[in-house]
Amino acid sequence: MAVALGSGLLALGWSAAVAQTLSPVPQEHSQPNLLTNPGATPGVGLLYKLDREFSEATAKGGGKAFASWFAPDGVTLGNGNPPVEGRDAIAAVATWSPEEYQLTWTTAGARMSREGDYGFTWGTYTGVVKGKDGDVSRKTGRYILVWKKQADGQWKVELDASNTGSAKDDCCRLH
C-alpha cells in the first residue's frame, strides 16, 4: 500500500502514484470547555494537547511521524482491515509523505483515568489526496485513540481505531 495504511485514522484506498503536493490543512483544536464539559480536568487538557500535537506532527511529517507516536505494542484498527500490531509494523505501512497525503483530525472529547496513566480521545478526521488531474479525494470519519503513559513518562498511542463517514449529525450535541 502506498498512501494507505490499515490504521484507524487513515482513510484507505488512495494511490500515492496519483498524488500531488498538498499543503497541511490547519485544524482548529479546542480545549475542553468547562461550561459544556464539567468533567474537564488538567488530565483531560493534557490529552487534548497530546492529540493536537500528534495531528500537527502527522500533517507535517506524514506516515513516519504518525508511526512515531505509537507505543511499541500499539495497534491500529481500520474499517474492514486487519489490525496492524506494533509500532514497527505500523511504520512499515505508514509510508506516505505529507506531500502525497494529508491526514488531520480534531479532538471532540477526552477522558483520563483516575490514576492518570491512561486516557482516550475521540473526534473527527479528514484524509486528503490531490490527484494528478487536480481532483481532490477526501475521506472523513470518526476516531478514538487510547493513550498510555509509558515507564519513561512519555505518552504514547496504544490503540487507534476509526470508521469512515460524515459527522454532520454531530452539530448540535453538548459534550
Protein backbone atom coordinates (compact mmCIF):
# COMPACT_ATOMS: atom_id res chain seq x y z
CA MET A 1 0.00 0.00 0.00
CA ALA A 2 1.42 3.36 -0.93
CA VAL A 3 -0.63 6.01 0.83
CA ALA A 4 -2.99 3.64 2.55
CA LEU A 5 -2.45 2.16 5.97
CA GLY A 6 -4.79 -0.24 7.69
CA SER A 7 -4.84 2.22 10.55
CA GLY A 8 -7.89 3.66 12.14
CA LEU A 9 -7.02 7.25 11.36
CA LEU A 10 -6.10 6.62 7.78
CA ALA A 11 -8.69 6.80 5.08
CA LEU A 12 -7.81 3.92 2.81
CA GLY A 13 -7.70 3.25 -0.88
CA TRP A 14 -5.71 6.09 -2.43
CA SER A 15 -2.63 5.53 -4.51
CA ALA A 16 0.49 7.62 -3.97
CA ALA A 17 1.13 7.42 -7.69
CA VAL A 18 -1.80 9.77 -8.36
CA ALA A 19 -1.00 12.16 -5.53
CA GLN A 20 0.49 15.62 -5.83
CA THR A 21 1.84 18.05 -3.28
CA LEU A 22 -0.62 19.05 -0.59
CA SER A 23 -0.26 21.78 1.96
CA PRO A 24 -1.01 20.95 5.58
CA VAL A 25 -4.56 21.88 6.41
CA PRO A 26 -4.68 23.84 9.66
CA GLN A 27 -7.13 22.34 12.11
CA GLU A 28 -8.79 24.07 15.00
CA HIS A 29 -8.32 22.09 18.18
CA SER A 30 -10.40 23.23 21.06
CA GLN A 31 -9.54 22.78 24.67
CA PRO A 32 -12.16 21.27 26.92
CA ASN A 33 -14.90 23.76 27.73
CA LEU A 34 -15.73 23.74 31.43
CA LEU A 35 -19.23 25.09 30.72
CA THR A 36 -20.15 22.15 28.50
CA ASN A 37 -17.79 19.58 30.00
CA PRO A 38 -17.80 19.80 33.78
CA GLY A 39 -15.58 16.69 33.87
CA ALA A 40 -12.71 18.58 32.24
CA THR A 41 -9.60 18.29 34.37
CA PRO A 42 -5.92 19.07 33.86
CA GLY A 43 -5.54 15.44 32.71
CA VAL A 44 -8.23 15.90 30.07
CA GLY A 45 -6.48 19.10 28.98
CA LEU A 46 -3.24 17.12 28.60
CA LEU A 47 -5.00 14.60 26.36
CA TYR A 48 -6.35 17.41 24.15
CA LYS A 49 -2.80 18.79 23.90
CA LEU A 50 -1.32 15.39 23.02
CA ASP A 51 -3.99 14.80 20.37
CA ARG A 52 -3.34 18.24 18.82
CA GLU A 53 0.43 17.71 18.80
CA PHE A 54 0.01 14.26 17.24
CA SER A 55 -2.21 15.65 14.47
CA GLU A 56 0.14 18.57 13.77
CA ALA A 57 3.20 16.29 13.68
CA THR A 58 1.43 13.92 11.27
CA ALA A 59 0.37 16.79 8.99
CA LYS A 60 4.00 17.99 8.83
CA GLY A 61 5.83 14.65 8.85
CA GLY A 62 3.49 12.16 7.17
CA GLY A 63 3.48 8.45 7.93
CA LYS A 64 6.88 8.39 9.61
CA ALA A 65 5.69 10.98 12.14
CA PHE A 66 2.36 9.17 12.54
CA ALA A 67 4.07 5.88 13.45
CA SER A 68 6.47 7.54 15.90
CA TRP A 69 3.60 8.40 18.27
CA PHE A 70 2.72 4.75 18.89
CA ALA A 71 3.81 2.61 21.82
CA PRO A 72 5.99 -0.36 20.84
CA ASP A 73 2.94 -2.61 21.21
CA GLY A 74 0.45 -0.11 19.72
CA VAL A 75 -2.38 -1.29 17.47
CA THR A 76 -4.36 0.33 14.66
CA LEU A 77 -7.83 -0.81 13.61
CA GLY A 78 -9.35 0.48 10.39
CA ASN A 79 -12.62 -0.15 8.58
CA GLY A 80 -12.59 -3.65 7.12
CA ASN A 81 -8.84 -4.08 7.52
CA PRO A 82 -6.91 -6.47 9.70
CA PRO A 83 -5.25 -4.99 12.80
CA VAL A 84 -1.75 -3.62 12.40
CA GLU A 85 0.08 -4.59 15.57
CA GLY A 86 3.26 -2.96 16.85
CA ARG A 87 4.96 0.35 16.09
CA ASP A 88 7.39 -1.32 13.66
CA ALA A 89 4.51 -2.85 11.67
CA ILE A 90 2.67 0.48 11.67
CA ALA A 91 5.82 2.24 10.42
CA ALA A 92 6.21 -0.37 7.67
CA VAL A 93 2.81 0.52 6.21
CA ALA A 94 2.68 4.23 7.09
CA THR A 95 4.99 5.25 4.27
CA TRP A 96 3.18 8.28 2.88
CA SER A 97 4.70 11.75 2.78
CA PRO A 98 2.77 14.90 3.65
CA GLU A 99 3.17 15.98 0.03
CA GLU A 100 1.18 12.90 -1.05
CA TYR A 101 -1.42 12.69 1.64
CA GLN A 102 -2.72 14.95 4.39
CA LEU A 103 -4.20 13.36 7.47
CA THR A 104 -5.54 15.69 10.15
CA TRP A 105 -8.00 15.35 12.97
CA THR A 106 -9.86 17.45 15.50
CA THR A 107 -10.44 16.37 19.07
CA ALA A 108 -14.06 16.36 20.21
CA GLY A 109 -13.57 14.92 23.68
CA ALA A 110 -11.29 13.13 26.10
CA ARG A 111 -11.36 11.17 29.33
CA MET A 112 -8.49 10.46 31.73
CA SER A 113 -8.28 7.50 34.11
CA ARG A 114 -8.49 8.18 37.83
CA GLU A 115 -4.84 7.11 38.18
CA GLY A 116 -3.77 9.49 35.40
CA ASP A 117 -1.84 6.88 33.42
CA TYR A 118 -4.40 6.01 30.72
CA GLY A 119 -6.82 8.10 28.74
CA PHE A 120 -8.65 8.29 25.48
CA THR A 121 -9.54 10.96 22.95
CA TRP A 122 -12.07 10.97 20.15
CA GLY A 123 -13.09 13.23 17.31
CA THR A 124 -13.24 13.51 13.55
CA TYR A 125 -10.53 13.06 10.94
CA THR A 126 -10.01 14.08 7.32
CA GLY A 127 -7.68 12.44 4.81
CA VAL A 128 -7.00 14.34 1.56
CA VAL A 129 -5.22 13.31 -1.64
CA LYS A 130 -4.97 15.54 -4.70
CA GLY A 131 -4.79 13.53 -7.92
CA LYS A 132 -2.66 14.37 -10.95
CA ASP A 133 -5.80 15.53 -12.72
CA GLY A 134 -6.34 18.11 -9.95
CA ASP A 135 -9.28 16.31 -8.40
CA VAL A 136 -9.23 16.17 -4.63
CA SER A 137 -10.27 12.98 -2.90
CA ARG A 138 -11.40 13.42 0.67
CA LYS A 139 -12.48 10.90 3.29
CA THR A 140 -13.80 11.77 6.69
CA GLY A 141 -14.77 9.82 9.74
CA ARG A 142 -14.57 9.43 13.47
CA TYR A 143 -11.67 8.10 15.53
CA ILE A 144 -10.70 7.09 19.03
CA LEU A 145 -7.17 6.98 20.41
CA VAL A 146 -6.20 5.24 23.64
CA TRP A 147 -3.20 6.88 25.30
CA LYS A 148 -0.89 5.33 27.91
CA LYS A 149 1.82 6.94 29.98
CA GLN A 150 4.99 4.92 29.38
CA ALA A 151 7.56 3.92 32.02
CA ASP A 152 9.80 6.81 30.88
CA GLY A 153 6.97 9.34 31.42
CA GLN A 154 6.15 9.85 27.73
CA TRP A 155 2.60 9.41 26.48
CA LYS A 156 2.12 7.07 23.51
CA VAL A 157 -0.82 5.78 21.50
CA GLU A 158 -1.80 2.23 22.46
CA LEU A 159 -4.82 1.95 20.18
CA ASP A 160 -6.07 3.86 17.14
CA ALA A 161 -9.48 2.91 15.76
CA SER A 162 -11.79 4.68 13.33
CA ASN A 163 -14.67 4.43 10.94
CA THR A 164 -15.44 6.37 7.81
CA GLY A 165 -18.49 8.55 7.46
CA SER A 166 -19.73 12.05 7.99
CA ALA A 167 -20.07 13.67 11.37
CA LYS A 168 -22.75 16.04 10.04
CA ASP A 169 -25.29 14.92 12.64
CA ASP A 170 -22.96 15.88 15.49
CA CYS A 171 -23.52 19.63 15.14
CA CYS A 172 -25.90 20.25 17.99
CA ARG A 173 -24.79 18.00 20.84
CA LEU A 174 -23.23 19.18 24.05
CA HIS A 175 -20.39 17.01 25.29
